[in-house]
Amino acid sequence: MPRTANQHRKTAETDIQIELNVDGSGLSTIDTGVPFFDHMLTLFTKHGLFDLKVKVVGDVDVDYHHTVEDTGIVLGQCFREALGNKAGIVRYGFFLLPMDETLAEVAMDLSSRPFLSYHAPEKMEAIGGRAGVFSYQLVEEFLRAFSSALMCTLHVEIKRGRDSHHMAEAIFKGLARALDAATQKDPRVVGIPSTKDVL
């Protein structure tokens, strides 16, 4: 069975449509109205080898918070739908991602227990210029929304880093690689990878 999902979520603040193929090749069509966020989701797709279509109409005239957070919610819901009962998957994924001076560590468990542990420098400079300023704090908001909707345990830590762009990029790439590992099918796994027989 193909591991795909199609989710639509509309609120007074955002209107989001996402199509996902977990077993893709890294193809993406991303339009959130937030240029830097588009960049992050594009590289997330490329390095996770997912196929992803994202269309967001959000209240970006207010700020980018609702768009980024709500996209995290819908993307998490898509992965949860596509993975179904999680039979046969690896379940755990982790990656140590270098990005120039930055080193990001991402580890996850597709446990159905939503939790985010996030450790990164605070009060970092915003990212972007003419294309629009993206607050670095929105990275954490995305991760929290994504992990809650996917119902996964997610640990993210910047081990080293100075540049906001590099830290954000390392996190999204590390998340992609960890998620790719966790969602892989292992032919040795029989049924649900849990002694509870449910995830």
N, C-alpha and C. Protein backbone atom coordinates (compact mmCIF):
# COMPACT_ATOMS: atom_id res chain seq x y z
N MET A 1 0.84 -1.20 0.00
CA MET A 1 0.00 0.00 0.00
C MET A 1 0.88 1.25 0.00
N PRO A 2 0.56 2.22 -0.85
CA PRO A 2 1.34 3.47 -0.84
C PRO A 2 1.11 4.24 0.45
N ARG A 3 2.18 4.79 0.97
CA ARG A 3 2.08 5.56 2.22
C ARG A 3 1.93 7.04 1.85
N THR A 4 0.70 7.43 1.62
CA THR A 4 0.40 8.78 1.18
C THR A 4 -0.67 9.40 2.07
N ALA A 5 -0.77 10.71 1.98
CA ALA A 5 -1.80 11.42 2.74
C ALA A 5 -2.13 12.73 2.04
N ASN A 6 -3.35 13.18 2.27
CA ASN A 6 -3.82 14.46 1.73
C ASN A 6 -4.66 15.11 2.81
N GLN A 7 -4.21 16.25 3.32
CA GLN A 7 -4.90 16.92 4.42
C GLN A 7 -5.22 18.37 4.05
N HIS A 8 -6.40 18.79 4.48
CA HIS A 8 -6.80 20.19 4.31
C HIS A 8 -7.29 20.72 5.65
N ARG A 9 -6.78 21.87 6.04
CA ARG A 9 -7.19 22.49 7.31
C ARG A 9 -7.41 23.98 7.07
N LYS A 10 -8.59 24.45 7.43
CA LYS A 10 -8.93 25.86 7.23
C LYS A 10 -9.40 26.45 8.55
N THR A 11 -8.77 27.56 8.94
CA THR A 11 -9.19 28.31 10.13
C THR A 11 -9.36 29.76 9.74
N ALA A 12 -9.67 30.60 10.71
CA ALA A 12 -9.79 32.03 10.44
C ALA A 12 -8.44 32.67 10.13
N GLU A 13 -7.34 31.93 10.41
CA GLU A 13 -5.99 32.48 10.23
C GLU A 13 -5.22 31.87 9.07
N THR A 14 -5.51 30.59 8.76
CA THR A 14 -4.77 29.92 7.69
C THR A 14 -5.68 28.96 6.92
N ASP A 15 -5.32 28.72 5.67
CA ASP A 15 -5.97 27.72 4.82
C ASP A 15 -4.85 26.89 4.21
N ILE A 16 -4.75 25.62 4.63
CA ILE A 16 -3.57 24.80 4.31
C ILE A 16 -3.99 23.50 3.62
N GLN A 17 -3.34 23.21 2.50
CA GLN A 17 -3.53 21.96 1.77
C GLN A 17 -2.16 21.31 1.61
N ILE A 18 -2.03 20.05 2.07
CA ILE A 18 -0.76 19.34 1.96
C ILE A 18 -1.00 17.94 1.40
N GLU A 19 -0.18 17.56 0.42
CA GLU A 19 -0.15 16.21 -0.11
C GLU A 19 1.23 15.62 0.16
N LEU A 20 1.27 14.38 0.67
CA LEU A 20 2.53 13.76 1.07
C LEU A 20 2.64 12.34 0.54
N ASN A 21 3.82 11.99 0.07
CA ASN A 21 4.17 10.61 -0.24
C ASN A 21 5.44 10.31 0.55
N VAL A 22 5.32 9.47 1.58
CA VAL A 22 6.47 9.15 2.43
C VAL A 22 7.56 8.47 1.61
N ASP A 23 7.18 7.62 0.67
CA ASP A 23 8.13 6.85 -0.13
C ASP A 23 8.37 7.52 -1.48
N GLY A 24 8.78 8.77 -1.42
CA GLY A 24 8.98 9.54 -2.63
C GLY A 24 10.44 9.59 -3.05
N SER A 25 10.78 10.67 -3.76
CA SER A 25 12.15 10.84 -4.25
C SER A 25 12.68 12.24 -3.98
N GLY A 26 11.96 13.01 -3.16
CA GLY A 26 12.44 14.35 -2.82
C GLY A 26 11.86 15.46 -3.66
N LEU A 27 10.76 15.19 -4.35
CA LEU A 27 10.12 16.20 -5.18
C LEU A 27 9.22 17.08 -4.33
N SER A 28 9.20 18.37 -4.62
CA SER A 28 8.38 19.27 -3.81
C SER A 28 7.84 20.44 -4.61
N THR A 29 6.67 20.89 -4.20
CA THR A 29 6.08 22.14 -4.67
C THR A 29 5.59 22.84 -3.40
N ILE A 30 6.29 23.88 -3.00
CA ILE A 30 6.04 24.52 -1.71
C ILE A 30 5.68 25.99 -1.92
N ASP A 31 4.55 26.40 -1.36
CA ASP A 31 4.16 27.81 -1.40
C ASP A 31 3.41 28.14 -0.11
N THR A 32 4.13 28.69 0.86
CA THR A 32 3.52 29.06 2.14
C THR A 32 3.32 30.56 2.28
N GLY A 33 3.88 31.33 1.35
CA GLY A 33 3.84 32.78 1.50
C GLY A 33 4.96 33.31 2.37
N VAL A 34 5.82 32.41 2.86
CA VAL A 34 6.96 32.78 3.71
C VAL A 34 8.22 32.22 3.04
N PRO A 35 8.99 33.06 2.35
CA PRO A 35 10.10 32.56 1.52
C PRO A 35 11.11 31.69 2.26
N PHE A 36 11.54 32.08 3.44
CA PHE A 36 12.53 31.27 4.15
C PHE A 36 11.93 29.93 4.57
N PHE A 37 10.68 29.93 4.98
CA PHE A 37 10.00 28.70 5.37
C PHE A 37 9.85 27.78 4.16
N ASP A 38 9.56 28.34 2.98
CA ASP A 38 9.53 27.55 1.75
C ASP A 38 10.87 26.85 1.54
N HIS A 39 11.94 27.59 1.77
CA HIS A 39 13.29 27.05 1.62
C HIS A 39 13.51 25.87 2.57
N MET A 40 13.08 26.02 3.81
CA MET A 40 13.26 24.97 4.82
C MET A 40 12.45 23.71 4.46
N LEU A 41 11.22 23.89 4.02
CA LEU A 41 10.39 22.74 3.67
C LEU A 41 10.88 22.06 2.40
N THR A 42 11.44 22.84 1.48
CA THR A 42 12.00 22.27 0.26
C THR A 42 13.20 21.38 0.58
N LEU A 43 14.10 21.86 1.43
CA LEU A 43 15.26 21.03 1.75
C LEU A 43 14.89 19.86 2.68
N PHE A 44 13.86 20.06 3.52
CA PHE A 44 13.34 18.95 4.33
C PHE A 44 12.87 17.82 3.42
N THR A 45 12.15 18.17 2.36
CA THR A 45 11.65 17.20 1.40
C THR A 45 12.79 16.51 0.66
N LYS A 46 13.76 17.30 0.22
CA LYS A 46 14.89 16.78 -0.55
C LYS A 46 15.71 15.79 0.25
N HIS A 47 16.02 16.13 1.50
CA HIS A 47 16.91 15.29 2.29
C HIS A 47 16.18 14.14 2.98
N GLY A 48 14.86 14.21 3.07
CA GLY A 48 14.09 13.10 3.60
C GLY A 48 13.60 12.16 2.52
N LEU A 49 13.76 12.57 1.26
CA LEU A 49 13.27 11.80 0.10
C LEU A 49 11.76 11.56 0.17
N PHE A 50 11.07 12.59 0.67
CA PHE A 50 9.61 12.58 0.64
C PHE A 50 9.16 13.38 -0.58
N ASP A 51 7.96 13.11 -1.08
CA ASP A 51 7.34 13.97 -2.07
C ASP A 51 6.30 14.81 -1.34
N LEU A 52 6.32 16.11 -1.58
CA LEU A 52 5.50 17.00 -0.77
C LEU A 52 4.97 18.17 -1.60
N LYS A 53 3.66 18.39 -1.48
CA LYS A 53 3.02 19.57 -2.07
C LYS A 53 2.38 20.34 -0.93
N VAL A 54 2.74 21.61 -0.80
CA VAL A 54 2.22 22.46 0.28
C VAL A 54 1.72 23.76 -0.31
N LYS A 55 0.46 24.07 -0.01
CA LYS A 55 -0.11 25.36 -0.40
C LYS A 55 -0.75 25.98 0.84
N VAL A 56 -0.27 27.16 1.20
CA VAL A 56 -0.77 27.84 2.40
C VAL A 56 -1.17 29.26 2.06
N VAL A 57 -2.35 29.64 2.51
CA VAL A 57 -2.77 31.04 2.50
C VAL A 57 -2.96 31.42 3.96
N GLY A 58 -2.08 32.29 4.45
CA GLY A 58 -2.12 32.65 5.86
C GLY A 58 -2.12 34.15 6.07
N ASP A 59 -2.31 34.53 7.32
CA ASP A 59 -2.36 35.95 7.67
C ASP A 59 -0.94 36.52 7.86
N VAL A 60 -0.15 36.43 6.77
CA VAL A 60 1.24 36.87 6.84
C VAL A 60 1.36 38.39 6.97
N ASP A 61 0.24 39.09 6.75
CA ASP A 61 0.25 40.54 6.97
C ASP A 61 0.32 40.85 8.46
N VAL A 62 -0.08 39.89 9.30
CA VAL A 62 0.04 40.04 10.75
C VAL A 62 1.47 39.68 11.15
N ASP A 63 1.83 38.41 10.96
CA ASP A 63 3.20 37.91 11.06
C ASP A 63 3.20 36.48 10.54
N TYR A 64 4.33 35.78 10.70
CA TYR A 64 4.45 34.44 10.13
C TYR A 64 4.09 33.33 11.11
N HIS A 65 3.76 33.66 12.32
CA HIS A 65 3.58 32.66 13.38
C HIS A 65 2.49 31.65 13.04
N HIS A 66 1.31 32.12 12.69
CA HIS A 66 0.20 31.20 12.43
C HIS A 66 0.49 30.30 11.23
N THR A 67 1.09 30.86 10.20
CA THR A 67 1.41 30.08 9.01
C THR A 67 2.38 28.95 9.32
N VAL A 68 3.44 29.26 10.07
CA VAL A 68 4.46 28.27 10.38
C VAL A 68 3.91 27.21 11.33
N GLU A 69 3.23 27.63 12.39
CA GLU A 69 2.69 26.69 13.36
C GLU A 69 1.63 25.78 12.75
N ASP A 70 0.70 26.35 12.01
CA ASP A 70 -0.38 25.56 11.43
C ASP A 70 0.12 24.61 10.35
N THR A 71 1.14 25.02 9.62
CA THR A 71 1.74 24.11 8.63
C THR A 71 2.37 22.93 9.34
N GLY A 72 3.01 23.16 10.48
CA GLY A 72 3.56 22.07 11.27
C GLY A 72 2.49 21.10 11.71
N ILE A 73 1.33 21.63 12.10
CA ILE A 73 0.21 20.77 12.51
C ILE A 73 -0.24 19.88 11.36
N VAL A 74 -0.49 20.47 10.21
CA VAL A 74 -1.02 19.71 9.07
C VAL A 74 0.02 18.72 8.53
N LEU A 75 1.28 19.12 8.51
CA LEU A 75 2.32 18.21 8.04
C LEU A 75 2.45 17.01 8.98
N GLY A 76 2.37 17.26 10.29
CA GLY A 76 2.40 16.17 11.24
C GLY A 76 1.21 15.23 11.06
N GLN A 77 0.04 15.80 10.82
CA GLN A 77 -1.15 14.99 10.57
C GLN A 77 -0.99 14.14 9.32
N CYS A 78 -0.35 14.69 8.30
CA CYS A 78 -0.13 13.94 7.07
C CYS A 78 0.77 12.72 7.31
N PHE A 79 1.86 12.91 8.02
CA PHE A 79 2.74 11.78 8.31
C PHE A 79 2.03 10.74 9.16
N ARG A 80 1.24 11.19 10.11
CA ARG A 80 0.51 10.26 10.97
C ARG A 80 -0.48 9.43 10.13
N GLU A 81 -1.19 10.11 9.23
CA GLU A 81 -2.14 9.40 8.37
C GLU A 81 -1.42 8.42 7.46
N ALA A 82 -0.34 8.86 6.85
CA ALA A 82 0.37 8.03 5.87
C ALA A 82 0.98 6.79 6.50
N LEU A 83 1.43 6.90 7.75
CA LEU A 83 2.09 5.78 8.42
C LEU A 83 1.10 4.76 8.99
N GLY A 84 -0.16 5.14 9.12
CA GLY A 84 -1.19 4.21 9.58
C GLY A 84 -0.87 3.63 10.96
N ASN A 85 -0.92 2.31 11.07
CA ASN A 85 -0.66 1.69 12.37
C ASN A 85 0.83 1.47 12.64
N LYS A 86 1.68 1.87 11.68
CA LYS A 86 3.14 1.84 11.80
C LYS A 86 3.72 0.42 11.78
N ALA A 87 2.96 -0.53 11.31
CA ALA A 87 3.45 -1.91 11.23
C ALA A 87 4.68 -1.98 10.33
N GLY A 88 5.72 -2.66 10.82
CA GLY A 88 6.90 -2.93 10.02
C GLY A 88 7.94 -1.83 9.95
N ILE A 89 7.69 -0.69 10.60
CA ILE A 89 8.64 0.42 10.48
C ILE A 89 9.77 0.28 11.52
N VAL A 90 10.84 1.03 11.30
CA VAL A 90 11.97 1.05 12.23
C VAL A 90 11.56 1.71 13.55
N ARG A 91 10.77 2.77 13.47
CA ARG A 91 10.22 3.51 14.60
C ARG A 91 11.16 4.60 15.13
N TYR A 92 12.43 4.30 15.31
CA TYR A 92 13.38 5.27 15.85
C TYR A 92 14.25 5.84 14.73
N GLY A 93 14.59 7.12 14.86
CA GLY A 93 15.49 7.74 13.92
C GLY A 93 16.31 8.81 14.58
N PHE A 94 17.55 8.96 14.16
CA PHE A 94 18.40 10.01 14.72
C PHE A 94 19.44 10.42 13.69
N PHE A 95 19.89 11.65 13.80
CA PHE A 95 20.89 12.15 12.85
C PHE A 95 21.67 13.29 13.48
N LEU A 96 22.97 13.32 13.22
CA LEU A 96 23.85 14.40 13.64
C LEU A 96 24.24 15.14 12.38
N LEU A 97 23.75 16.39 12.23
CA LEU A 97 23.87 17.11 10.96
C LEU A 97 24.82 18.30 11.08
N PRO A 98 25.93 18.28 10.36
CA PRO A 98 26.82 19.44 10.33
C PRO A 98 26.40 20.43 9.25
N MET A 99 26.44 21.71 9.58
CA MET A 99 26.17 22.78 8.61
C MET A 99 27.17 23.90 8.89
N ASP A 100 28.31 23.82 8.24
CA ASP A 100 29.40 24.76 8.49
C ASP A 100 29.76 24.77 9.99
N GLU A 101 29.60 25.89 10.67
CA GLU A 101 29.98 25.96 12.09
C GLU A 101 28.94 25.34 13.01
N THR A 102 27.80 24.97 12.45
CA THR A 102 26.68 24.45 13.24
C THR A 102 26.67 22.93 13.26
N LEU A 103 26.29 22.37 14.40
CA LEU A 103 26.10 20.93 14.53
C LEU A 103 24.77 20.71 15.25
N ALA A 104 23.82 20.08 14.55
CA ALA A 104 22.49 19.84 15.11
C ALA A 104 22.28 18.35 15.32
N GLU A 105 21.69 18.02 16.46
CA GLU A 105 21.37 16.64 16.80
C GLU A 105 19.85 16.48 16.85
N VAL A 106 19.33 15.54 16.10
CA VAL A 106 17.88 15.29 16.06
C VAL A 106 17.65 13.80 16.30
N ALA A 107 16.78 13.49 17.26
CA ALA A 107 16.42 12.10 17.55
C ALA A 107 14.91 12.02 17.74
N MET A 108 14.30 10.95 17.23
CA MET A 108 12.85 10.82 17.34
C MET A 108 12.42 9.39 17.56
N ASP A 109 11.24 9.28 18.16
CA ASP A 109 10.57 8.00 18.37
C ASP A 109 9.12 8.19 17.93
N LEU A 110 8.69 7.40 16.97
CA LEU A 110 7.31 7.47 16.50
C LEU A 110 6.43 6.67 17.45
N SER A 111 6.30 7.18 18.65
CA SER A 111 5.78 6.45 19.80
C SER A 111 4.30 6.67 20.07
N SER A 112 3.69 7.64 19.40
CA SER A 112 2.33 8.11 19.71
C SER A 112 2.27 8.84 21.06
N ARG A 113 3.43 9.24 21.56
CA ARG A 113 3.51 10.06 22.77
C ARG A 113 4.15 11.38 22.39
N PRO A 114 3.36 12.43 22.20
CA PRO A 114 3.90 13.71 21.75
C PRO A 114 4.74 14.39 22.82
N PHE A 115 5.97 14.74 22.45
CA PHE A 115 6.87 15.43 23.37
C PHE A 115 7.97 16.09 22.56
N LEU A 116 8.31 17.33 22.92
CA LEU A 116 9.42 18.03 22.28
C LEU A 116 10.41 18.48 23.34
N SER A 117 11.66 18.09 23.16
CA SER A 117 12.77 18.63 23.95
C SER A 117 13.63 19.43 22.98
N TYR A 118 13.75 20.73 23.23
CA TYR A 118 14.43 21.62 22.27
C TYR A 118 15.46 22.46 23.02
N HIS A 119 16.70 22.37 22.58
CA HIS A 119 17.78 23.14 23.21
C HIS A 119 18.58 23.83 22.11
N ALA A 120 18.51 25.16 22.12
CA ALA A 120 19.22 25.95 21.12
C ALA A 120 19.50 27.33 21.71
N PRO A 121 20.47 28.04 21.15
CA PRO A 121 20.74 29.39 21.65
C PRO A 121 19.50 30.27 21.58
N GLU A 122 19.34 31.13 22.56
CA GLU A 122 18.19 32.04 22.61
C GLU A 122 18.58 33.42 22.09
N LYS A 123 17.56 34.21 21.78
CA LYS A 123 17.73 35.61 21.34
C LYS A 123 18.63 35.70 20.12
N MET A 124 18.38 34.81 19.16
CA MET A 124 19.14 34.83 17.91
C MET A 124 18.55 35.86 16.95
N GLU A 125 19.39 36.34 16.05
CA GLU A 125 18.94 37.30 15.06
C GLU A 125 17.93 36.66 14.12
N ALA A 126 17.00 37.49 13.64
CA ALA A 126 16.04 37.03 12.64
C ALA A 126 16.76 36.74 11.33
N ILE A 127 16.13 35.95 10.50
CA ILE A 127 16.73 35.51 9.24
C ILE A 127 16.01 36.19 8.09
N GLY A 128 16.76 36.58 7.08
CA GLY A 128 16.13 37.12 5.88
C GLY A 128 16.43 38.59 5.68
N GLY A 129 16.03 39.06 4.52
CA GLY A 129 16.24 40.45 4.16
C GLY A 129 15.04 40.96 3.41
N ARG A 130 15.22 41.26 2.16
CA ARG A 130 14.12 41.78 1.34
C ARG A 130 12.97 40.78 1.22
N ALA A 131 13.31 39.49 1.27
CA ALA A 131 12.28 38.47 1.11
C ALA A 131 11.36 38.36 2.31
N GLY A 132 11.72 39.00 3.41
CA GLY A 132 10.90 38.94 4.60
C GLY A 132 11.66 38.36 5.77
N VAL A 133 11.55 39.00 6.91
CA VAL A 133 12.29 38.58 8.08
C VAL A 133 11.57 37.41 8.77
N PHE A 134 12.33 36.36 9.04
CA PHE A 134 11.82 35.14 9.66
C PHE A 134 12.43 35.02 11.05
N SER A 135 11.60 35.05 12.08
CA SER A 135 12.10 34.93 13.45
C SER A 135 12.62 33.53 13.69
N TYR A 136 13.84 33.41 14.22
CA TYR A 136 14.43 32.10 14.50
C TYR A 136 13.58 31.31 15.49
N GLN A 137 12.85 31.98 16.36
CA GLN A 137 12.01 31.31 17.34
C GLN A 137 10.90 30.48 16.69
N LEU A 138 10.57 30.80 15.45
CA LEU A 138 9.52 30.04 14.76
C LEU A 138 9.93 28.61 14.46
N VAL A 139 11.23 28.34 14.45
CA VAL A 139 11.69 26.97 14.25
C VAL A 139 11.16 26.08 15.38
N GLU A 140 11.27 26.55 16.61
CA GLU A 140 10.76 25.79 17.75
C GLU A 140 9.25 25.63 17.68
N GLU A 141 8.55 26.68 17.26
CA GLU A 141 7.10 26.59 17.14
C GLU A 141 6.68 25.55 16.11
N PHE A 142 7.40 25.50 15.01
CA PHE A 142 7.11 24.48 13.99
C PHE A 142 7.33 23.09 14.56
N LEU A 143 8.46 22.88 15.23
CA LEU A 143 8.78 21.57 15.78
C LEU A 143 7.76 21.11 16.80
N ARG A 144 7.31 22.03 17.64
CA ARG A 144 6.32 21.68 18.66
C ARG A 144 4.99 21.27 18.01
N ALA A 145 4.55 22.04 17.03
CA ALA A 145 3.30 21.73 16.33
C ALA A 145 3.42 20.41 15.58
N PHE A 146 4.55 20.21 14.91
CA PHE A 146 4.76 19.00 14.12
C PHE A 146 4.79 17.76 15.01
N SER A 147 5.55 17.80 16.09
CA SER A 147 5.67 16.63 16.97
C SER A 147 4.35 16.33 17.67
N SER A 148 3.59 17.36 18.01
CA SER A 148 2.30 17.14 18.66
C SER A 148 1.31 16.49 17.70
N ALA A 149 1.27 16.96 16.45
CA ALA A 149 0.33 16.42 15.48
C ALA A 149 0.72 15.01 15.02
N LEU A 150 2.00 14.77 14.86
CA LEU A 150 2.48 13.45 14.49
C LEU A 150 2.41 12.49 15.68
N MET A 151 2.37 13.06 16.86
CA MET A 151 2.40 12.28 18.11
C MET A 151 3.70 11.47 18.20
N CYS A 152 4.81 12.20 18.14
CA CYS A 152 6.12 11.58 18.26
C CYS A 152 6.90 12.26 19.38
N THR A 153 7.86 11.53 19.90
CA THR A 153 8.83 12.11 20.82
C THR A 153 9.97 12.65 19.98
N LEU A 154 10.30 13.93 20.18
CA LEU A 154 11.31 14.58 19.34
C LEU A 154 12.29 15.36 20.21
N HIS A 155 13.57 15.04 20.05
CA HIS A 155 14.64 15.76 20.75
C HIS A 155 15.49 16.47 19.71
N VAL A 156 15.65 17.78 19.88
CA VAL A 156 16.44 18.59 18.97
C VAL A 156 17.39 19.45 19.79
N GLU A 157 18.66 19.39 19.44
CA GLU A 157 19.64 20.20 20.17
C GLU A 157 20.69 20.74 19.21
N ILE A 158 20.98 22.03 19.34
CA ILE A 158 22.10 22.63 18.64
C ILE A 158 23.33 22.43 19.52
N LYS A 159 24.22 21.55 19.07
CA LYS A 159 25.44 21.27 19.84
C LYS A 159 26.44 22.42 19.71
N ARG A 160 26.51 22.99 18.51
CA ARG A 160 27.35 24.15 18.24
C ARG A 160 26.65 24.99 17.19
N GLY A 161 26.87 26.31 17.25
CA GLY A 161 26.26 27.15 16.22
C GLY A 161 26.29 28.62 16.58
N ARG A 162 26.36 29.46 15.54
CA ARG A 162 26.36 30.91 15.73
C ARG A 162 25.39 31.60 14.77
N ASP A 163 25.24 31.05 13.58
CA ASP A 163 24.45 31.68 12.53
C ASP A 163 23.02 31.15 12.53
N SER A 164 22.04 32.04 12.60
CA SER A 164 20.64 31.63 12.67
C SER A 164 20.21 30.80 11.47
N HIS A 165 20.62 31.22 10.29
CA HIS A 165 20.26 30.50 9.07
C HIS A 165 20.81 29.08 9.11
N HIS A 166 22.09 28.96 9.46
CA HIS A 166 22.70 27.64 9.49
C HIS A 166 22.05 26.73 10.52
N MET A 167 21.69 27.29 11.67
CA MET A 167 21.07 26.47 12.71
C MET A 167 19.69 25.99 12.29
N ALA A 168 18.89 26.86 11.69
CA ALA A 168 17.57 26.47 11.21
C ALA A 168 17.70 25.40 10.13
N GLU A 169 18.62 25.60 9.20
CA GLU A 169 18.79 24.66 8.10
C GLU A 169 19.27 23.30 8.61
N ALA A 170 20.20 23.31 9.55
CA ALA A 170 20.69 22.05 10.11
C ALA A 170 19.57 21.28 10.81
N ILE A 171 18.69 22.00 11.49
CA ILE A 171 17.58 21.35 12.18
C ILE A 171 16.61 20.71 11.18
N PHE A 172 16.23 21.45 10.15
CA PHE A 172 15.28 20.90 9.18
C PHE A 172 15.89 19.72 8.40
N LYS A 173 17.16 19.81 8.06
CA LYS A 173 17.81 18.68 7.37
C LYS A 173 17.95 17.49 8.31
N GLY A 174 18.33 17.75 9.56
CA GLY A 174 18.45 16.67 10.52
C GLY A 174 17.12 16.01 10.80
N LEU A 175 16.06 16.82 10.88
CA LEU A 175 14.72 16.28 11.07
C LEU A 175 14.33 15.37 9.90
N ALA A 176 14.65 15.81 8.70
CA ALA A 176 14.33 15.02 7.51
C ALA A 176 15.03 13.68 7.53
N ARG A 177 16.32 13.68 7.85
CA ARG A 177 17.08 12.44 7.85
C ARG A 177 16.63 11.50 8.97
N ALA A 178 16.34 12.06 10.15
CA ALA A 178 15.86 11.24 11.26
C ALA A 178 14.50 10.65 10.95
N LEU A 179 13.62 11.44 10.35
CA LEU A 179 12.28 10.96 10.01
C LEU A 179 12.33 9.92 8.90
N ASP A 180 13.21 10.11 7.94
CA ASP A 180 13.39 9.12 6.89
C ASP A 180 13.81 7.78 7.48
N ALA A 181 14.75 7.83 8.43
CA ALA A 181 15.22 6.60 9.08
C ALA A 181 14.10 5.93 9.88
N ALA A 182 13.35 6.72 10.62
CA ALA A 182 12.30 6.17 11.50
C ALA A 182 11.15 5.56 10.72
N THR A 183 10.88 6.09 9.53
CA THR A 183 9.73 5.62 8.75
C THR A 183 10.07 4.47 7.80
N GLN A 184 11.34 4.09 7.73
CA GLN A 184 11.74 3.01 6.84
C GLN A 184 11.10 1.69 7.25
N LYS A 185 10.76 0.87 6.27
CA LYS A 185 10.27 -0.48 6.53
C LYS A 185 11.47 -1.41 6.75
N ASP A 186 11.39 -2.20 7.80
CA ASP A 186 12.42 -3.20 8.10
C ASP A 186 11.79 -4.58 7.93
N PRO A 187 12.26 -5.38 6.97
CA PRO A 187 11.64 -6.68 6.72
C PRO A 187 11.73 -7.64 7.92
N ARG A 188 12.61 -7.34 8.87
CA ARG A 188 12.73 -8.20 10.05
C ARG A 188 11.65 -7.92 11.08
N VAL A 189 11.02 -6.73 10.97
CA VAL A 189 9.99 -6.35 11.94
C VAL A 189 8.67 -7.01 11.58
N VAL A 190 8.12 -7.75 12.52
CA VAL A 190 6.83 -8.40 12.32
C VAL A 190 5.77 -7.62 13.10
N GLY A 191 4.81 -7.05 12.38
CA GLY A 191 3.75 -6.29 13.04
C GLY A 191 4.22 -4.95 13.59
N ILE A 192 3.66 -4.56 14.73
CA ILE A 192 3.93 -3.26 15.33
C ILE A 192 5.24 -3.32 16.14
N PRO A 193 6.15 -2.40 15.94
CA PRO A 193 7.42 -2.44 16.66
C PRO A 193 7.31 -1.94 18.10
N SER A 194 6.53 -2.66 18.89
CA SER A 194 6.32 -2.32 20.30
C SER A 194 5.83 -3.55 21.04
N THR A 195 6.29 -3.75 22.27
CA THR A 195 5.80 -4.87 23.07
C THR A 195 4.34 -4.67 23.47
N LYS A 196 3.84 -3.43 23.31
CA LYS A 196 2.43 -3.15 23.58
C LYS A 196 1.53 -3.61 22.43
N ASP A 197 2.14 -3.88 21.26
CA ASP A 197 1.43 -4.24 20.04
C ASP A 197 0.56 -3.11 19.52
N VAL A 198 0.87 -1.88 19.91
CA VAL A 198 0.17 -0.71 19.38
C VAL A 198 1.07 0.51 19.52
N LEU A 199 1.02 1.36 18.52
CA LEU A 199 1.73 2.64 18.57
C LEU A 199 0.77 3.74 18.15
